């Protein structure tokens, strides 16, 4: 059943008024593929715009906090933790994971997915002058905990083999 549709099939925000507050957590990932020289420039701290990973991390955190402004029908949430990790995988990839947590009435999957996506887009934006051929790949939910639906874990957790 699609919970964002009413009896007439119209879009509406899900009513979570009667849902219990529970601990909820979600982790999402994204991969950015680029030229090996671009990754080397980032890893060596030689990018003229500064620390690419630091800027992307901040972008991911800000994006998670503003998910409800970006995606229609998402609830504004009081996130208690947002962690965005970026790791260089030689020769040509950056792996991004974003984990969001809260104690609340609705899940945080969209916030984690938004954080990973915007961190990836920020890497693209900062590096496009030297590498317009970058690709953002495999944005996906890896794991979620809490709520009525319980625990979900992606069967084949990412290993970098695209």
C-alpha atoms as a PDB file:
ATOM      1  CA  UNK A   1       0.000   0.000   0.000  1.00  0.00           C
ATOM      2  CA  UNK A   2       1.330   3.423  -0.945  1.00  0.00           C
ATOM      3  CA  UNK A   3       0.965   5.512   2.196  1.00  0.00           C
ATOM      4  CA  UNK A   4       1.406   8.856   0.432  1.00  0.00           C
ATOM      5  CA  UNK A   5      -1.927   8.499  -1.385  1.00  0.00           C
ATOM      6  CA  UNK A   6      -5.359   9.097   0.117  1.00  0.00           C
ATOM      7  CA  UNK A   7      -8.537   7.125  -0.667  1.00  0.00           C
ATOM      8  CA  UNK A   8      -8.999   9.100  -3.904  1.00  0.00           C
ATOM      9  CA  UNK A   9      -5.419   8.516  -5.039  1.00  0.00           C
ATOM     10  CA  UNK A  10      -4.283  12.063  -4.231  1.00  0.00           C
ATOM     11  CA  UNK A  11      -0.876  12.788  -2.748  1.00  0.00           C
ATOM     12  CA  UNK A  12      -0.844  13.606   0.942  1.00  0.00           C
ATOM     13  CA  UNK A  13       1.580  13.647   3.831  1.00  0.00           C
ATOM     14  CA  UNK A  14       1.352  10.527   5.985  1.00  0.00           C
ATOM     15  CA  UNK A  15      -0.210  11.172   9.405  1.00  0.00           C
ATOM     16  CA  UNK A  16       2.266   9.951  12.028  1.00  0.00           C
ATOM     17  CA  UNK A  17       0.450  11.465  14.994  1.00  0.00           C
ATOM     18  CA  UNK A  18      -0.328   8.130  16.635  1.00  0.00           C
ATOM     19  CA  UNK A  19       2.996   6.449  15.885  1.00  0.00           C
ATOM     20  CA  UNK A  20       5.306   5.792  18.812  1.00  0.00           C
ATOM     21  CA  UNK A  21       8.653   7.514  19.121  1.00  0.00           C
ATOM     22  CA  UNK A  22      11.360   4.922  18.524  1.00  0.00           C
ATOM     23  CA  UNK A  23      15.070   4.988  17.833  1.00  0.00           C
ATOM     24  CA  UNK A  24      15.562   5.089  14.062  1.00  0.00           C
ATOM     25  CA  UNK A  25      18.695   4.956  11.949  1.00  0.00           C
ATOM     26  CA  UNK A  26      19.426   4.699   8.235  1.00  0.00           C
ATOM     27  CA  UNK A  27      22.610   4.428   6.189  1.00  0.00           C
ATOM     28  CA  UNK A  28      22.852   5.170   2.474  1.00  0.00           C
ATOM     29  CA  UNK A  29      25.722   5.258   0.025  1.00  0.00           C
ATOM     30  CA  UNK A  30      26.797   6.847  -3.234  1.00  0.00           C
ATOM     31  CA  UNK A  31      29.839   6.325  -5.432  1.00  0.00           C
ATOM     32  CA  UNK A  32      31.542   8.957  -7.579  1.00  0.00           C
ATOM     33  CA  UNK A  33      33.711   7.645 -10.411  1.00  0.00           C
ATOM     34  CA  UNK A  34      36.315  10.005 -11.879  1.00  0.00           C
ATOM     35  CA  UNK A  35      39.638  10.118 -13.654  1.00  0.00           C
ATOM     36  CA  UNK A  36      42.487   8.716 -11.556  1.00  0.00           C
ATOM     37  CA  UNK A  37      44.210  12.112 -11.806  1.00  0.00           C
ATOM     38  CA  UNK A  38      41.147  13.796 -10.285  1.00  0.00           C
ATOM     39  CA  UNK A  39      41.099  11.387  -7.365  1.00  0.00           C
ATOM     40  CA  UNK A  40      44.830  11.893  -6.846  1.00  0.00           C
ATOM     41  CA  UNK A  41      44.352  15.678  -6.794  1.00  0.00           C
ATOM     42  CA  UNK A  42      41.619  15.331  -4.127  1.00  0.00           C
ATOM     43  CA  UNK A  43      43.560  12.810  -2.037  1.00  0.00           C
ATOM     44  CA  UNK A  44      46.770  14.874  -2.188  1.00  0.00           C
ATOM     45  CA  UNK A  45      44.946  18.033  -1.084  1.00  0.00           C
ATOM     46  CA  UNK A  46      45.930  19.795  -4.311  1.00  0.00           C
ATOM     47  CA  UNK A  47      42.464  20.974  -5.403  1.00  0.00           C
ATOM     48  CA  UNK A  48      42.505  24.751  -5.919  1.00  0.00           C
ATOM     49  CA  UNK A  49      39.066  25.078  -4.263  1.00  0.00           C
ATOM     50  CA  UNK A  50      40.304  23.485  -1.035  1.00  0.00           C
ATOM     51  CA  UNK A  51      39.413  20.320   0.871  1.00  0.00           C
ATOM     52  CA  UNK A  52      36.864  18.603  -1.386  1.00  0.00           C
ATOM     53  CA  UNK A  53      35.912  15.974   1.207  1.00  0.00           C
ATOM     54  CA  UNK A  54      35.342  18.577   3.946  1.00  0.00           C
ATOM     55  CA  UNK A  55      33.047  20.644   1.733  1.00  0.00           C
ATOM     56  CA  UNK A  56      31.162  17.541   0.538  1.00  0.00           C
ATOM     57  CA  UNK A  57      30.723  16.349   4.142  1.00  0.00           C
ATOM     58  CA  UNK A  58      29.220  19.693   5.173  1.00  0.00           C
ATOM     59  CA  UNK A  59      26.949  19.677   2.106  1.00  0.00           C
ATOM     60  CA  UNK A  60      25.700  16.196   3.010  1.00  0.00           C
ATOM     61  CA  UNK A  61      24.981  17.215   6.589  1.00  0.00           C
ATOM     62  CA  UNK A  62      23.133  20.362   5.499  1.00  0.00           C
ATOM     63  CA  UNK A  63      21.148  18.394   2.920  1.00  0.00           C
ATOM     64  CA  UNK A  64      20.000  15.816   5.470  1.00  0.00           C
ATOM     65  CA  UNK A  65      18.691  18.601   7.719  1.00  0.00           C
ATOM     66  CA  UNK A  66      16.749  20.139   4.820  1.00  0.00           C
ATOM     67  CA  UNK A  67      15.346  16.994   3.197  1.00  0.00           C
ATOM     68  CA  UNK A  68      11.774  18.022   3.994  1.00  0.00           C
ATOM     69  CA  UNK A  69      12.326  21.216   1.968  1.00  0.00           C
ATOM     70  CA  UNK A  70      13.590  19.267  -1.042  1.00  0.00           C
ATOM     71  CA  UNK A  71      11.313  16.228  -1.222  1.00  0.00           C
ATOM     72  CA  UNK A  72       7.555  16.809  -1.176  1.00  0.00           C
ATOM     73  CA  UNK A  73       5.643  15.025   1.599  1.00  0.00           C
ATOM     74  CA  UNK A  74       8.713  14.353   3.779  1.00  0.00           C
ATOM     75  CA  UNK A  75       8.247  15.281   7.410  1.00  0.00           C
ATOM     76  CA  UNK A  76      10.589  17.825   9.005  1.00  0.00           C
ATOM     77  CA  UNK A  77      12.682  15.815  11.459  1.00  0.00           C
ATOM     78  CA  UNK A  78      14.767  16.617  14.507  1.00  0.00           C
ATOM     79  CA  UNK A  79      17.812  14.594  13.557  1.00  0.00           C
ATOM     80  CA  UNK A  80      20.057  13.748  16.498  1.00  0.00           C
ATOM     81  CA  UNK A  81      23.045  12.549  14.471  1.00  0.00           C
ATOM     82  CA  UNK A  82      24.261  12.904  10.894  1.00  0.00           C
ATOM     83  CA  UNK A  83      27.520  11.309   9.853  1.00  0.00           C
ATOM     84  CA  UNK A  84      28.915  11.563   6.326  1.00  0.00           C
ATOM     85  CA  UNK A  85      32.056   9.575   5.501  1.00  0.00           C
ATOM     86  CA  UNK A  86      34.040   9.905   2.270  1.00  0.00           C
ATOM     87  CA  UNK A  87      36.733   7.450   1.294  1.00  0.00           C
ATOM     88  CA  UNK A  88      39.006   7.477  -1.737  1.00  0.00           C
ATOM     89  CA  UNK A  89      39.160   4.099  -3.515  1.00  0.00           C
ATOM     90  CA  UNK A  90      42.051   4.015  -5.966  1.00  0.00           C
ATOM     91  CA  UNK A  91      42.324   4.322  -8.802  1.00  0.00           C
ATOM     92  CA  UNK A  92      39.155   6.281  -9.609  1.00  0.00           C
ATOM     93  CA  UNK A  93      36.319   6.259  -7.052  1.00  0.00           C
ATOM     94  CA  UNK A  94      35.039   8.016  -3.965  1.00  0.00           C
ATOM     95  CA  UNK A  95      32.694   6.092  -1.684  1.00  0.00           C
ATOM     96  CA  UNK A  96      30.256   8.109   0.396  1.00  0.00           C
ATOM     97  CA  UNK A  97      28.206   6.766   3.291  1.00  0.00           C
ATOM     98  CA  UNK A  98      25.686   8.815   5.222  1.00  0.00           C
ATOM     99  CA  UNK A  99      24.038   7.721   8.461  1.00  0.00           C
ATOM    100  CA  UNK A 100      21.186   9.617  10.075  1.00  0.00           C
ATOM    101  CA  UNK A 101      19.627   8.955  13.484  1.00  0.00           C
ATOM    102  CA  UNK A 102      16.762  10.212  15.585  1.00  0.00           C
ATOM    103  CA  UNK A 103      14.177   9.248  18.154  1.00  0.00           C
ATOM    104  CA  UNK A 104      10.936   9.932  16.352  1.00  0.00           C
ATOM    105  CA  UNK A 105       7.758   8.827  14.661  1.00  0.00           C
ATOM    106  CA  UNK A 106       9.032   8.333  11.116  1.00  0.00           C
ATOM    107  CA  UNK A 107      12.133   6.952   9.451  1.00  0.00           C
ATOM    108  CA  UNK A 108      15.270   8.674   8.237  1.00  0.00           C
ATOM    109  CA  UNK A 109      15.919   6.830   4.976  1.00  0.00           C
ATOM    110  CA  UNK A 110      15.255   9.873   2.812  1.00  0.00           C
ATOM    111  CA  UNK A 111      17.604  11.997   4.916  1.00  0.00           C
ATOM    112  CA  UNK A 112      20.444   9.482   4.559  1.00  0.00           C
ATOM    113  CA  UNK A 113      19.847   9.149   0.800  1.00  0.00           C
ATOM    114  CA  UNK A 114      19.721  12.931   0.421  1.00  0.00           C
ATOM    115  CA  UNK A 115      22.950  13.382   2.386  1.00  0.00           C
ATOM    116  CA  UNK A 116      24.832  10.839   0.255  1.00  0.00           C
ATOM    117  CA  UNK A 117      23.435  12.306  -2.973  1.00  0.00           C
ATOM    118  CA  UNK A 118      24.292  15.909  -2.163  1.00  0.00           C
ATOM    119  CA  UNK A 119      27.778  15.007  -0.984  1.00  0.00           C
ATOM    120  CA  UNK A 120      28.299  13.293  -4.365  1.00  0.00           C
ATOM    121  CA  UNK A 121      26.891  16.286  -6.249  1.00  0.00           C
ATOM    122  CA  UNK A 122      29.223  18.580  -4.316  1.00  0.00           C
ATOM    123  CA  UNK A 123      32.238  16.518  -5.357  1.00  0.00           C
ATOM    124  CA  UNK A 124      31.049  16.811  -8.950  1.00  0.00           C
ATOM    125  CA  UNK A 125      30.567  20.569  -8.613  1.00  0.00           C
ATOM    126  CA  UNK A 126      33.984  21.146  -7.085  1.00  0.00           C
ATOM    127  CA  UNK A 127      35.815  18.966  -9.637  1.00  0.00           C
ATOM    128  CA  UNK A 128      33.883  19.537 -12.862  1.00  0.00           C
ATOM    129  CA  UNK A 129      36.426  22.036 -14.166  1.00  0.00           C
ATOM    130  CA  UNK A 130      39.025  19.261 -14.385  1.00  0.00           C
ATOM    131  CA  UNK A 131      36.764  16.241 -14.994  1.00  0.00           C
ATOM    132  CA  UNK A 132      33.337  16.701 -16.581  1.00  0.00           C
ATOM    133  CA  UNK A 133      33.085  12.959 -17.198  1.00  0.00           C
ATOM    134  CA  UNK A 134      32.572  12.052 -13.522  1.00  0.00           C
ATOM    135  CA  UNK A 135      29.590   9.832 -12.791  1.00  0.00           C
ATOM    136  CA  UNK A 136      27.504   9.439  -9.666  1.00  0.00           C
ATOM    137  CA  UNK A 137      26.595   5.800  -9.254  1.00  0.00           C
ATOM    138  CA  UNK A 138      24.674   3.453  -6.994  1.00  0.00           C
ATOM    139  CA  UNK A 139      22.880   5.822  -4.678  1.00  0.00           C
ATOM    140  CA  UNK A 140      21.070   3.349  -2.448  1.00  0.00           C
ATOM    141  CA  UNK A 141      19.846   2.529   1.018  1.00  0.00           C
ATOM    142  CA  UNK A 142      22.204   0.107   2.757  1.00  0.00           C
ATOM    143  CA  UNK A 143      20.475  -0.342   6.092  1.00  0.00           C
ATOM    144  CA  UNK A 144      17.661   0.944   8.268  1.00  0.00           C
ATOM    145  CA  UNK A 145      16.716   0.205  11.850  1.00  0.00           C
ATOM    146  CA  UNK A 146      13.697   1.033  13.954  1.00  0.00           C
ATOM    147  CA  UNK A 147      10.043   1.666  13.418  1.00  0.00           C
ATOM    148  CA  UNK A 148       7.254  -0.783  12.733  1.00  0.00           C
ATOM    149  CA  UNK A 149       8.964  -2.349   9.731  1.00  0.00           C
ATOM    150  CA  UNK A 150      12.061  -3.203  11.787  1.00  0.00           C
ATOM    151  CA  UNK A 151      15.510  -3.874  10.406  1.00  0.00           C
ATOM    152  CA  UNK A 152      16.419  -3.828   6.706  1.00  0.00           C
ATOM    153  CA  UNK A 153      19.857  -4.555   5.298  1.00  0.00           C
ATOM    154  CA  UNK A 154      20.790  -4.596   1.628  1.00  0.00           C
ATOM    155  CA  UNK A 155      21.759  -8.121   0.629  1.00  0.00           C
ATOM    156  CA  UNK A 156      24.985  -7.291  -1.178  1.00  0.00           C
ATOM    157  CA  UNK A 157      26.669  -4.512   0.745  1.00  0.00           C
ATOM    158  CA  UNK A 158      28.859  -2.371  -1.423  1.00  0.00           C
ATOM    159  CA  UNK A 159      32.409  -3.424  -2.191  1.00  0.00           C
ATOM    160  CA  UNK A 160      33.358  -0.889  -4.847  1.00  0.00           C
ATOM    161  CA  UNK A 161      32.995  -3.204  -7.842  1.00  0.00           C
ATOM    162  CA  UNK A 162      30.790  -1.241 -10.161  1.00  0.00           C
END
